[in-house]
Amino acid sequence: MAEEPNNAEATTDEPVAEATEATPPEAPAAREPVEVLAPKERRRRARAARAATAAPGRARTPEERQAQRAAERRRKARARRVERQRARAKAQATPSGEPTPPREREPGRQKTRQGVVVSDRPDKTITVRIDVARRHRRYAKIVRTSSTLHAHDEGNLAHAGDTVIVRESRPLSRTKRWRLVQVVERAQ
């Protein structure tokens, strides 16, 4: 039984030997392991090969390069202009096709905010906390934020805990840019 595997080996070796004799001497080089390249290196070599086969470009003068850059800038500016017009048209059109209503604040119209008085210690000044709850654009979760501002209270009418309405005004001090309009609800 030991002879049968030897015979099988002998028969398999002979055709291989004949095949190697019949092939040209370049065949062993083809059997060498193929070089494995990283994607970056593969792209770099492909670019180098394309550059080698491309016709050599003529040297350009600085004026020609400057003219080409200017043309490229004009092309990009035109594309930006078109994109902005498209965005403006999209922003103005609502799902019903009507333009959006005018903004809350226009030149000459002051902003008004409602908030809770946090502090009334300084004379003729109150600190108001403005709470804002809005829906997050992407995640649709209600996000609560707050900001504080200082408002002018001429008669010291508001006290801590009161709900008040304040209106934007000219700068009254380094931090005061708002005035008290009315006290909506008194604290208990």
N, C-alpha and C. Protein backbone atom coordinates (compact mmCIF):
# COMPACT_ATOMS: atom_id res chain seq x y z
N MET A 1 0.80 -1.18 0.00
CA MET A 1 0.00 0.00 0.00
C MET A 1 0.85 1.25 0.00
N ALA A 2 2.04 1.15 0.53
CA ALA A 2 2.92 2.28 0.57
C ALA A 2 3.39 2.66 -0.83
N GLU A 3 3.37 1.65 -1.74
CA GLU A 3 3.84 1.92 -3.10
C GLU A 3 2.83 2.74 -3.90
N GLU A 4 1.55 2.61 -3.62
CA GLU A 4 0.54 3.33 -4.40
C GLU A 4 0.68 4.85 -4.29
N PRO A 5 0.88 5.41 -3.08
CA PRO A 5 1.07 6.85 -3.03
C PRO A 5 2.32 7.29 -3.79
N ASN A 6 3.40 6.46 -3.75
CA ASN A 6 4.60 6.83 -4.49
C ASN A 6 4.32 6.85 -5.98
N ASN A 7 3.52 5.90 -6.45
CA ASN A 7 3.19 5.86 -7.86
C ASN A 7 2.36 7.09 -8.23
N ALA A 8 1.46 7.45 -7.32
CA ALA A 8 0.61 8.61 -7.58
C ALA A 8 1.46 9.88 -7.62
N GLU A 9 2.44 9.95 -6.73
CA GLU A 9 3.33 11.11 -6.73
C GLU A 9 4.16 11.15 -7.99
N ALA A 10 4.61 10.00 -8.40
CA ALA A 10 5.44 9.93 -9.60
C ALA A 10 4.65 10.38 -10.82
N THR A 11 3.40 9.96 -10.88
CA THR A 11 2.59 10.35 -12.04
C THR A 11 2.26 11.82 -12.01
N THR A 12 2.07 12.39 -10.82
CA THR A 12 1.75 13.82 -10.76
C THR A 12 2.98 14.67 -11.01
N ASP A 13 4.18 14.15 -10.67
CA ASP A 13 5.39 14.93 -10.87
C ASP A 13 5.77 15.03 -12.34
N GLU A 14 5.56 13.97 -13.08
CA GLU A 14 5.97 13.97 -14.48
C GLU A 14 5.26 15.04 -15.31
N PRO A 15 3.92 15.18 -15.23
CA PRO A 15 3.27 16.20 -16.05
C PRO A 15 3.70 17.60 -15.64
N VAL A 16 3.93 17.81 -14.36
CA VAL A 16 4.35 19.13 -13.90
C VAL A 16 5.72 19.44 -14.48
N ALA A 17 6.58 18.48 -14.48
CA ALA A 17 7.92 18.68 -15.03
C ALA A 17 7.84 19.00 -16.51
N GLU A 18 6.98 18.31 -17.23
CA GLU A 18 6.81 18.58 -18.66
C GLU A 18 6.26 19.99 -18.88
N ALA A 19 5.34 20.41 -18.03
CA ALA A 19 4.74 21.72 -18.18
C ALA A 19 5.76 22.82 -17.93
N THR A 20 6.66 22.61 -16.97
CA THR A 20 7.65 23.63 -16.70
C THR A 20 8.69 23.71 -17.81
N GLU A 21 8.97 22.59 -18.43
CA GLU A 21 9.93 22.60 -19.53
C GLU A 21 9.35 23.30 -20.75
N ALA A 22 8.06 23.15 -20.96
CA ALA A 22 7.42 23.71 -22.15
C ALA A 22 7.18 25.21 -22.01
N THR A 23 7.08 25.72 -20.79
CA THR A 23 6.79 27.14 -20.61
C THR A 23 8.05 27.97 -20.77
N PRO A 24 7.90 29.21 -21.22
CA PRO A 24 9.08 30.07 -21.37
C PRO A 24 9.65 30.43 -20.00
N PRO A 25 10.89 30.93 -19.96
CA PRO A 25 11.53 31.23 -18.67
C PRO A 25 10.86 32.37 -17.91
N GLU A 26 9.95 33.14 -18.52
CA GLU A 26 9.28 34.25 -17.82
C GLU A 26 8.18 33.76 -16.88
N ALA A 27 7.72 32.55 -17.03
CA ALA A 27 6.63 32.02 -16.22
C ALA A 27 6.95 32.03 -14.73
N PRO A 28 8.16 31.67 -14.27
CA PRO A 28 8.41 31.72 -12.83
C PRO A 28 8.27 33.13 -12.27
N ALA A 29 8.59 34.14 -13.07
CA ALA A 29 8.45 35.52 -12.59
C ALA A 29 6.98 35.84 -12.35
N ALA A 30 6.09 35.27 -13.16
CA ALA A 30 4.66 35.51 -13.00
C ALA A 30 4.14 34.86 -11.73
N ARG A 31 4.83 33.84 -11.26
CA ARG A 31 4.38 33.15 -10.05
C ARG A 31 4.81 33.88 -8.78
N GLU A 32 5.64 34.89 -8.89
CA GLU A 32 6.05 35.63 -7.70
C GLU A 32 4.83 36.27 -7.05
N PRO A 33 4.86 36.45 -5.72
CA PRO A 33 3.67 37.04 -5.05
C PRO A 33 3.41 38.45 -5.57
N VAL A 34 2.13 38.75 -5.76
CA VAL A 34 1.72 40.06 -6.25
C VAL A 34 1.84 41.05 -5.10
N GLU A 35 2.40 42.22 -5.39
CA GLU A 35 2.59 43.22 -4.35
C GLU A 35 1.23 43.78 -3.93
N VAL A 36 0.96 43.77 -2.64
CA VAL A 36 -0.30 44.28 -2.12
C VAL A 36 -0.07 45.74 -1.72
N LEU A 37 -0.86 46.64 -2.32
CA LEU A 37 -0.69 48.07 -2.08
C LEU A 37 -1.85 48.62 -1.28
N ALA A 38 -1.55 49.61 -0.50
CA ALA A 38 -2.60 50.34 0.21
C ALA A 38 -3.36 51.18 -0.82
N PRO A 39 -4.63 51.48 -0.57
CA PRO A 39 -5.41 52.26 -1.55
C PRO A 39 -4.77 53.59 -1.90
N LYS A 40 -4.18 54.25 -0.91
CA LYS A 40 -3.55 55.54 -1.17
C LYS A 40 -2.38 55.39 -2.14
N GLU A 41 -1.56 54.36 -1.89
CA GLU A 41 -0.40 54.12 -2.75
C GLU A 41 -0.85 53.74 -4.16
N ARG A 42 -1.92 52.93 -4.25
CA ARG A 42 -2.45 52.53 -5.56
C ARG A 42 -2.90 53.76 -6.35
N ARG A 43 -3.61 54.69 -5.67
CA ARG A 43 -4.04 55.92 -6.37
C ARG A 43 -2.85 56.76 -6.79
N ARG A 44 -1.85 56.85 -5.91
CA ARG A 44 -0.68 57.66 -6.24
C ARG A 44 0.02 57.10 -7.47
N ARG A 45 0.17 55.77 -7.54
CA ARG A 45 0.83 55.17 -8.70
C ARG A 45 -0.01 55.33 -9.97
N ALA A 46 -1.33 55.24 -9.81
CA ALA A 46 -2.19 55.42 -10.99
C ALA A 46 -2.07 56.85 -11.52
N ARG A 47 -2.04 57.83 -10.62
CA ARG A 47 -1.86 59.22 -11.05
C ARG A 47 -0.52 59.42 -11.74
N ALA A 48 0.51 58.82 -11.18
CA ALA A 48 1.84 58.95 -11.77
C ALA A 48 1.87 58.33 -13.17
N ALA A 49 1.19 57.18 -13.32
CA ALA A 49 1.16 56.53 -14.64
C ALA A 49 0.40 57.39 -15.64
N ARG A 50 -0.71 57.98 -15.23
CA ARG A 50 -1.47 58.85 -16.14
C ARG A 50 -0.66 60.07 -16.52
N ALA A 51 0.06 60.62 -15.54
CA ALA A 51 0.87 61.81 -15.83
C ALA A 51 2.00 61.47 -16.79
N ALA A 52 2.54 60.25 -16.68
CA ALA A 52 3.63 59.86 -17.57
C ALA A 52 3.14 59.68 -19.00
N THR A 53 1.91 59.18 -19.17
CA THR A 53 1.39 58.96 -20.52
C THR A 53 0.80 60.23 -21.13
N ALA A 54 0.44 61.21 -20.30
CA ALA A 54 -0.17 62.45 -20.81
C ALA A 54 0.87 63.26 -21.58
N ALA A 55 0.37 64.03 -22.52
CA ALA A 55 1.26 64.89 -23.30
C ALA A 55 1.81 65.98 -22.39
N PRO A 56 3.08 66.27 -22.52
CA PRO A 56 3.65 67.31 -21.65
C PRO A 56 3.04 68.66 -21.96
N GLY A 57 2.65 69.39 -20.91
CA GLY A 57 2.04 70.70 -21.10
C GLY A 57 3.12 71.75 -21.31
N ARG A 58 2.76 72.78 -21.98
CA ARG A 58 3.75 73.83 -22.22
C ARG A 58 3.81 74.72 -20.98
N ALA A 59 4.93 75.33 -20.78
CA ALA A 59 5.10 76.24 -19.65
C ALA A 59 4.26 77.48 -19.88
N ARG A 60 3.52 77.89 -18.84
CA ARG A 60 2.66 79.07 -18.97
C ARG A 60 3.32 80.27 -18.33
N THR A 61 2.99 81.42 -18.82
CA THR A 61 3.51 82.64 -18.24
C THR A 61 2.68 83.02 -17.02
N PRO A 62 3.21 83.85 -16.15
CA PRO A 62 2.43 84.27 -14.97
C PRO A 62 1.11 84.94 -15.35
N GLU A 63 1.09 85.67 -16.45
CA GLU A 63 -0.15 86.34 -16.89
C GLU A 63 -1.21 85.30 -17.27
N GLU A 64 -0.76 84.24 -17.95
CA GLU A 64 -1.72 83.19 -18.34
C GLU A 64 -2.27 82.48 -17.11
N ARG A 65 -1.39 82.20 -16.15
CA ARG A 65 -1.86 81.55 -14.91
C ARG A 65 -2.84 82.45 -14.17
N GLN A 66 -2.56 83.74 -14.12
CA GLN A 66 -3.44 84.69 -13.44
C GLN A 66 -4.79 84.77 -14.15
N ALA A 67 -4.78 84.79 -15.48
CA ALA A 67 -6.03 84.83 -16.24
C ALA A 67 -6.85 83.56 -15.99
N GLN A 68 -6.16 82.42 -15.92
CA GLN A 68 -6.88 81.17 -15.67
C GLN A 68 -7.50 81.17 -14.26
N ARG A 69 -6.76 81.67 -13.28
CA ARG A 69 -7.30 81.74 -11.91
C ARG A 69 -8.51 82.67 -11.85
N ALA A 70 -8.43 83.80 -12.56
CA ALA A 70 -9.56 84.74 -12.57
C ALA A 70 -10.78 84.10 -13.20
N ALA A 71 -10.58 83.36 -14.29
CA ALA A 71 -11.71 82.68 -14.94
C ALA A 71 -12.32 81.64 -14.00
N GLU A 72 -11.47 80.93 -13.27
CA GLU A 72 -11.96 79.92 -12.31
C GLU A 72 -12.75 80.60 -11.19
N ARG A 73 -12.26 81.75 -10.70
CA ARG A 73 -12.98 82.48 -9.65
C ARG A 73 -14.34 82.93 -10.14
N ARG A 74 -14.40 83.44 -11.39
CA ARG A 74 -15.69 83.89 -11.95
C ARG A 74 -16.66 82.72 -12.08
N ARG A 75 -16.14 81.56 -12.50
CA ARG A 75 -17.00 80.38 -12.65
C ARG A 75 -17.56 79.96 -11.29
N LYS A 76 -16.71 79.94 -10.26
CA LYS A 76 -17.18 79.54 -8.93
C LYS A 76 -18.16 80.56 -8.36
N ALA A 77 -17.91 81.85 -8.60
CA ALA A 77 -18.82 82.90 -8.12
C ALA A 77 -20.19 82.75 -8.77
N ARG A 78 -20.21 82.44 -10.06
CA ARG A 78 -21.47 82.25 -10.76
C ARG A 78 -22.24 81.06 -10.15
N ALA A 79 -21.52 79.97 -9.86
CA ALA A 79 -22.16 78.80 -9.25
C ALA A 79 -22.70 79.13 -7.87
N ARG A 80 -21.93 79.91 -7.08
CA ARG A 80 -22.43 80.30 -5.75
C ARG A 80 -23.67 81.15 -5.86
N ARG A 81 -23.68 82.08 -6.82
CA ARG A 81 -24.82 82.97 -7.00
C ARG A 81 -26.08 82.16 -7.31
N VAL A 82 -25.95 81.21 -8.21
CA VAL A 82 -27.09 80.37 -8.59
C VAL A 82 -27.59 79.59 -7.38
N GLU A 83 -26.65 79.03 -6.60
CA GLU A 83 -27.04 78.24 -5.43
C GLU A 83 -27.74 79.11 -4.38
N ARG A 84 -27.25 80.33 -4.17
CA ARG A 84 -27.90 81.23 -3.22
C ARG A 84 -29.30 81.62 -3.66
N GLN A 85 -29.47 81.89 -4.96
CA GLN A 85 -30.80 82.22 -5.46
C GLN A 85 -31.76 81.05 -5.26
N ARG A 86 -31.26 79.85 -5.50
CA ARG A 86 -32.09 78.66 -5.31
C ARG A 86 -32.48 78.51 -3.84
N ALA A 87 -31.52 78.74 -2.94
CA ALA A 87 -31.80 78.63 -1.50
C ALA A 87 -32.78 79.70 -1.05
N ARG A 88 -32.63 80.93 -1.58
CA ARG A 88 -33.56 82.01 -1.23
C ARG A 88 -34.97 81.68 -1.68
N ALA A 89 -35.10 81.18 -2.90
CA ALA A 89 -36.42 80.82 -3.43
C ALA A 89 -37.05 79.71 -2.59
N LYS A 90 -36.23 78.75 -2.18
CA LYS A 90 -36.74 77.64 -1.37
C LYS A 90 -37.16 78.14 0.01
N ALA A 91 -36.38 79.07 0.58
CA ALA A 91 -36.71 79.58 1.91
C ALA A 91 -37.98 80.42 1.89
N GLN A 92 -38.22 81.13 0.81
CA GLN A 92 -39.40 81.99 0.74
C GLN A 92 -40.68 81.20 0.48
N ALA A 93 -40.57 80.08 -0.21
CA ALA A 93 -41.76 79.30 -0.53
C ALA A 93 -42.05 78.32 0.59
N THR A 94 -43.26 78.36 1.12
CA THR A 94 -43.69 77.42 2.14
C THR A 94 -44.37 76.25 1.43
N PRO A 95 -44.73 75.18 2.15
CA PRO A 95 -45.39 74.05 1.49
C PRO A 95 -46.65 74.45 0.71
N SER A 96 -47.35 75.48 1.17
CA SER A 96 -48.56 75.88 0.47
C SER A 96 -48.24 76.74 -0.75
N GLY A 97 -46.97 77.10 -0.92
CA GLY A 97 -46.57 77.89 -2.07
C GLY A 97 -46.59 79.38 -1.80
N GLU A 98 -47.04 79.80 -0.62
CA GLU A 98 -47.09 81.22 -0.28
C GLU A 98 -45.75 81.65 0.30
N PRO A 99 -45.39 82.91 0.16
CA PRO A 99 -44.14 83.37 0.78
C PRO A 99 -44.28 83.37 2.30
N THR A 100 -43.14 83.27 2.99
CA THR A 100 -43.17 83.23 4.45
C THR A 100 -43.58 84.58 5.01
N PRO A 101 -44.19 84.61 6.18
CA PRO A 101 -44.60 85.90 6.77
C PRO A 101 -43.38 86.72 7.14
N PRO A 102 -43.54 88.04 7.29
CA PRO A 102 -42.39 88.88 7.64
C PRO A 102 -41.83 88.51 9.00
N ARG A 103 -40.56 88.81 9.21
CA ARG A 103 -39.89 88.47 10.46
C ARG A 103 -40.44 89.32 11.60
N GLU A 104 -40.23 88.80 12.83
CA GLU A 104 -40.72 89.50 14.02
C GLU A 104 -40.06 90.87 14.16
N ARG A 105 -38.76 90.90 13.90
CA ARG A 105 -38.02 92.14 14.13
C ARG A 105 -37.60 92.75 12.80
N GLU A 106 -37.98 93.98 12.60
CA GLU A 106 -37.56 94.74 11.44
C GLU A 106 -36.81 95.95 11.94
N PRO A 107 -36.08 96.63 11.08
CA PRO A 107 -35.38 97.83 11.55
C PRO A 107 -36.36 98.82 12.17
N GLY A 108 -36.05 99.28 13.37
CA GLY A 108 -36.92 100.24 14.03
C GLY A 108 -37.93 99.61 14.97
N ARG A 109 -38.06 98.30 14.96
CA ARG A 109 -39.00 97.63 15.86
C ARG A 109 -38.20 96.84 16.89
N GLN A 110 -38.40 97.14 18.19
CA GLN A 110 -37.61 96.49 19.22
C GLN A 110 -38.13 95.09 19.51
N LYS A 111 -37.23 94.24 19.96
CA LYS A 111 -37.61 92.89 20.37
C LYS A 111 -38.28 92.98 21.74
N THR A 112 -39.20 92.09 22.00
CA THR A 112 -39.79 91.99 23.34
C THR A 112 -39.65 90.55 23.81
N ARG A 113 -39.40 90.38 25.09
CA ARG A 113 -39.23 89.05 25.66
C ARG A 113 -39.99 88.97 26.98
N GLN A 114 -40.45 87.77 27.30
CA GLN A 114 -41.10 87.53 28.59
C GLN A 114 -40.22 86.60 29.39
N GLY A 115 -40.01 86.92 30.67
CA GLY A 115 -39.15 86.10 31.50
C GLY A 115 -39.47 86.26 32.96
N VAL A 116 -38.65 85.63 33.78
CA VAL A 116 -38.84 85.64 35.23
C VAL A 116 -37.70 86.44 35.85
N VAL A 117 -38.03 87.31 36.80
CA VAL A 117 -37.02 88.12 37.48
C VAL A 117 -36.24 87.22 38.42
N VAL A 118 -34.93 87.20 38.26
CA VAL A 118 -34.06 86.38 39.09
C VAL A 118 -33.53 87.20 40.25
N SER A 119 -33.22 88.47 39.96
CA SER A 119 -32.66 89.33 41.00
C SER A 119 -33.15 90.76 40.81
N ASP A 120 -33.41 91.44 41.95
CA ASP A 120 -33.79 92.85 41.87
C ASP A 120 -32.95 93.67 42.86
N ARG A 121 -31.78 93.17 43.20
CA ARG A 121 -30.93 93.84 44.21
C ARG A 121 -30.44 95.21 43.77
N PRO A 122 -29.87 95.35 42.56
CA PRO A 122 -29.39 96.69 42.21
C PRO A 122 -30.54 97.69 42.09
N ASP A 123 -30.25 98.95 42.31
CA ASP A 123 -31.27 99.98 42.22
C ASP A 123 -31.64 100.21 40.76
N LYS A 124 -32.94 100.19 40.45
CA LYS A 124 -33.47 100.44 39.11
C LYS A 124 -32.99 99.44 38.06
N THR A 125 -32.60 98.25 38.51
CA THR A 125 -32.14 97.21 37.58
C THR A 125 -32.69 95.86 38.03
N ILE A 126 -33.13 95.08 37.08
CA ILE A 126 -33.56 93.70 37.37
C ILE A 126 -32.81 92.75 36.44
N THR A 127 -32.58 91.55 36.94
CA THR A 127 -31.98 90.49 36.12
C THR A 127 -33.11 89.55 35.75
N VAL A 128 -33.29 89.33 34.45
CA VAL A 128 -34.42 88.53 33.96
C VAL A 128 -33.88 87.28 33.26
N ARG A 129 -34.46 86.12 33.61
CA ARG A 129 -34.10 84.86 32.95
C ARG A 129 -35.14 84.57 31.87
N ILE A 130 -34.67 84.43 30.63
CA ILE A 130 -35.55 84.13 29.50
C ILE A 130 -35.41 82.64 29.21
N ASP A 131 -36.49 81.89 29.40
CA ASP A 131 -36.48 80.45 29.11
C ASP A 131 -37.02 80.23 27.71
N VAL A 132 -36.32 79.40 26.94
CA VAL A 132 -36.74 79.09 25.57
C VAL A 132 -36.80 77.58 25.42
N ALA A 133 -37.92 77.06 24.96
CA ALA A 133 -38.05 75.63 24.66
C ALA A 133 -38.34 75.52 23.17
N ARG A 134 -37.47 74.83 22.46
CA ARG A 134 -37.68 74.68 21.02
C ARG A 134 -37.34 73.26 20.61
N ARG A 135 -37.86 72.87 19.47
CA ARG A 135 -37.63 71.52 18.95
C ARG A 135 -36.31 71.49 18.18
N HIS A 136 -35.48 70.49 18.47
CA HIS A 136 -34.20 70.36 17.76
C HIS A 136 -34.46 69.99 16.30
N ARG A 137 -33.74 70.64 15.41
CA ARG A 137 -33.98 70.44 13.98
C ARG A 137 -33.82 68.99 13.56
N ARG A 138 -32.72 68.38 13.95
CA ARG A 138 -32.44 67.02 13.48
C ARG A 138 -33.08 65.95 14.34
N TYR A 139 -32.95 66.07 15.66
CA TYR A 139 -33.38 65.00 16.55
C TYR A 139 -34.80 65.16 17.05
N ALA A 140 -35.44 66.28 16.76
CA ALA A 140 -36.84 66.53 17.10
C ALA A 140 -37.12 66.43 18.59
N LYS A 141 -36.09 66.56 19.41
CA LYS A 141 -36.27 66.54 20.86
C LYS A 141 -36.45 67.99 21.33
N ILE A 142 -37.24 68.20 22.38
CA ILE A 142 -37.44 69.54 22.92
C ILE A 142 -36.18 69.92 23.68
N VAL A 143 -35.55 71.00 23.27
CA VAL A 143 -34.32 71.48 23.92
C VAL A 143 -34.67 72.75 24.68
N ARG A 144 -34.36 72.76 25.96
CA ARG A 144 -34.66 73.93 26.79
C ARG A 144 -33.36 74.68 27.06
N THR A 145 -33.37 75.98 26.75
CA THR A 145 -32.22 76.83 27.04
C THR A 145 -32.72 78.08 27.75
N SER A 146 -31.81 78.73 28.43
CA SER A 146 -32.19 79.99 29.07
C SER A 146 -31.03 80.97 28.95
N SER A 147 -31.38 82.25 28.97
CA SER A 147 -30.36 83.30 28.95
C SER A 147 -30.81 84.37 29.93
N THR A 148 -29.86 85.07 30.49
CA THR A 148 -30.20 86.14 31.43
C THR A 148 -29.81 87.47 30.82
N LEU A 149 -30.57 88.49 31.18
CA LEU A 149 -30.26 89.84 30.72
C LEU A 149 -30.63 90.82 31.81
N HIS A 150 -30.03 92.00 31.73
CA HIS A 150 -30.32 93.05 32.70
C HIS A 150 -31.26 94.06 32.06
N ALA A 151 -32.28 94.45 32.81
CA ALA A 151 -33.28 95.40 32.29
C ALA A 151 -33.42 96.57 33.26
N HIS A 152 -33.75 97.73 32.69
CA HIS A 152 -33.93 98.94 33.49
C HIS A 152 -35.34 98.95 34.07
N ASP A 153 -35.45 99.13 35.38
CA ASP A 153 -36.73 99.18 36.08
C ASP A 153 -36.76 100.51 36.85
N GLU A 154 -37.27 101.55 36.20
CA GLU A 154 -37.21 102.91 36.74
C GLU A 154 -37.84 103.03 38.13
N GLY A 155 -39.00 102.40 38.34
CA GLY A 155 -39.69 102.58 39.62
C GLY A 155 -39.48 101.44 40.60
N ASN A 156 -38.52 100.55 40.34
CA ASN A 156 -38.30 99.37 41.17
C ASN A 156 -39.62 98.62 41.40
N LEU A 157 -40.37 98.39 40.33
CA LEU A 157 -41.67 97.74 40.42
C LEU A 157 -41.58 96.22 40.51
N ALA A 158 -40.61 95.63 39.82
CA ALA A 158 -40.52 94.16 39.76
C ALA A 158 -39.66 93.62 40.89
N HIS A 159 -40.03 92.43 41.38
CA HIS A 159 -39.28 91.78 42.45
C HIS A 159 -38.97 90.35 42.02
N ALA A 160 -38.08 89.69 42.74
CA ALA A 160 -37.64 88.33 42.39
C ALA A 160 -38.84 87.40 42.29
N GLY A 161 -38.89 86.62 41.23
CA GLY A 161 -39.97 85.66 41.02
C GLY A 161 -41.08 86.17 40.14
N ASP A 162 -41.17 87.48 39.90
CA ASP A 162 -42.23 88.05 39.05
C ASP A 162 -41.99 87.67 37.59
N THR A 163 -43.09 87.50 36.87
CA THR A 163 -43.01 87.31 35.42
C THR A 163 -43.19 88.67 34.78
N VAL A 164 -42.23 89.04 33.91
CA VAL A 164 -42.25 90.40 33.34
C VAL A 164 -42.05 90.35 31.83
N ILE A 165 -42.41 91.47 31.19
CA ILE A 165 -42.13 91.65 29.77
C ILE A 165 -41.12 92.78 29.66
N VAL A 166 -40.04 92.53 28.90
CA VAL A 166 -39.00 93.55 28.71
C VAL A 166 -38.88 93.83 27.22
N ARG A 167 -38.46 95.05 26.91
CA ARG A 167 -38.30 95.48 25.51
C ARG A 167 -36.88 95.96 25.28
N GLU A 168 -36.36 95.66 24.11
CA GLU A 168 -35.02 96.10 23.73
C GLU A 168 -34.94 97.62 23.71
N SER A 169 -33.79 98.17 24.11
CA SER A 169 -33.63 99.63 24.10
C SER A 169 -32.18 99.98 23.78
N ARG A 170 -31.91 101.27 23.77
CA ARG A 170 -30.52 101.71 23.55
C ARG A 170 -29.69 101.28 24.76
N PRO A 171 -28.38 101.22 24.63
CA PRO A 171 -27.56 100.85 25.78
C PRO A 171 -27.71 101.84 26.92
N LEU A 172 -28.09 101.34 28.09
CA LEU A 172 -28.27 102.18 29.26
C LEU A 172 -27.08 102.09 30.21
N SER A 173 -26.33 101.02 30.14
CA SER A 173 -25.09 100.86 30.90
C SER A 173 -24.28 99.79 30.18
N ARG A 174 -23.22 99.33 30.83
CA ARG A 174 -22.37 98.35 30.17
C ARG A 174 -23.12 97.04 29.89
N THR A 175 -24.06 96.67 30.76
CA THR A 175 -24.78 95.40 30.60
C THR A 175 -26.26 95.58 30.31
N LYS A 176 -26.82 96.76 30.56
CA LYS A 176 -28.27 96.95 30.38
C LYS A 176 -28.58 97.40 28.97
N ARG A 177 -29.39 96.57 28.27
CA ARG A 177 -29.84 96.91 26.92
C ARG A 177 -31.36 96.71 26.79
N TRP A 178 -32.06 96.56 27.92
CA TRP A 178 -33.49 96.28 27.92
C TRP A 178 -34.18 97.16 28.95
N ARG A 179 -35.49 97.38 28.76
CA ARG A 179 -36.32 98.15 29.71
C ARG A 179 -37.51 97.30 30.12
N LEU A 180 -37.96 97.50 31.35
CA LEU A 180 -39.17 96.80 31.82
C LEU A 180 -40.39 97.46 31.17
N VAL A 181 -41.27 96.62 30.60
CA VAL A 181 -42.50 97.13 30.00
C VAL A 181 -43.65 96.98 30.98
N GLN A 182 -43.83 95.74 31.49
CA GLN A 182 -44.89 95.53 32.46
C GLN A 182 -44.62 94.28 33.28
N VAL A 183 -45.23 94.24 34.45
CA VAL A 183 -45.17 93.04 35.30
C VAL A 183 -46.43 92.24 34.99
N VAL A 184 -46.25 91.07 34.42
CA VAL A 184 -47.40 90.25 34.00
C VAL A 184 -48.00 89.54 35.20
N GLU A 185 -47.15 88.94 36.03
CA GLU A 185 -47.66 88.16 37.18
C GLU A 185 -46.72 88.34 38.36
N ARG A 186 -47.29 88.59 39.51
CA ARG A 186 -46.50 88.76 40.72
C ARG A 186 -46.19 87.41 41.35
N ALA A 187 -45.05 87.30 42.00
CA ALA A 187 -44.68 86.06 42.71
C ALA A 187 -45.46 85.98 44.02
N GLN A 188 -45.80 84.77 44.44
CA GLN A 188 -46.51 84.59 45.70
C GLN A 188 -45.56 84.61 46.87
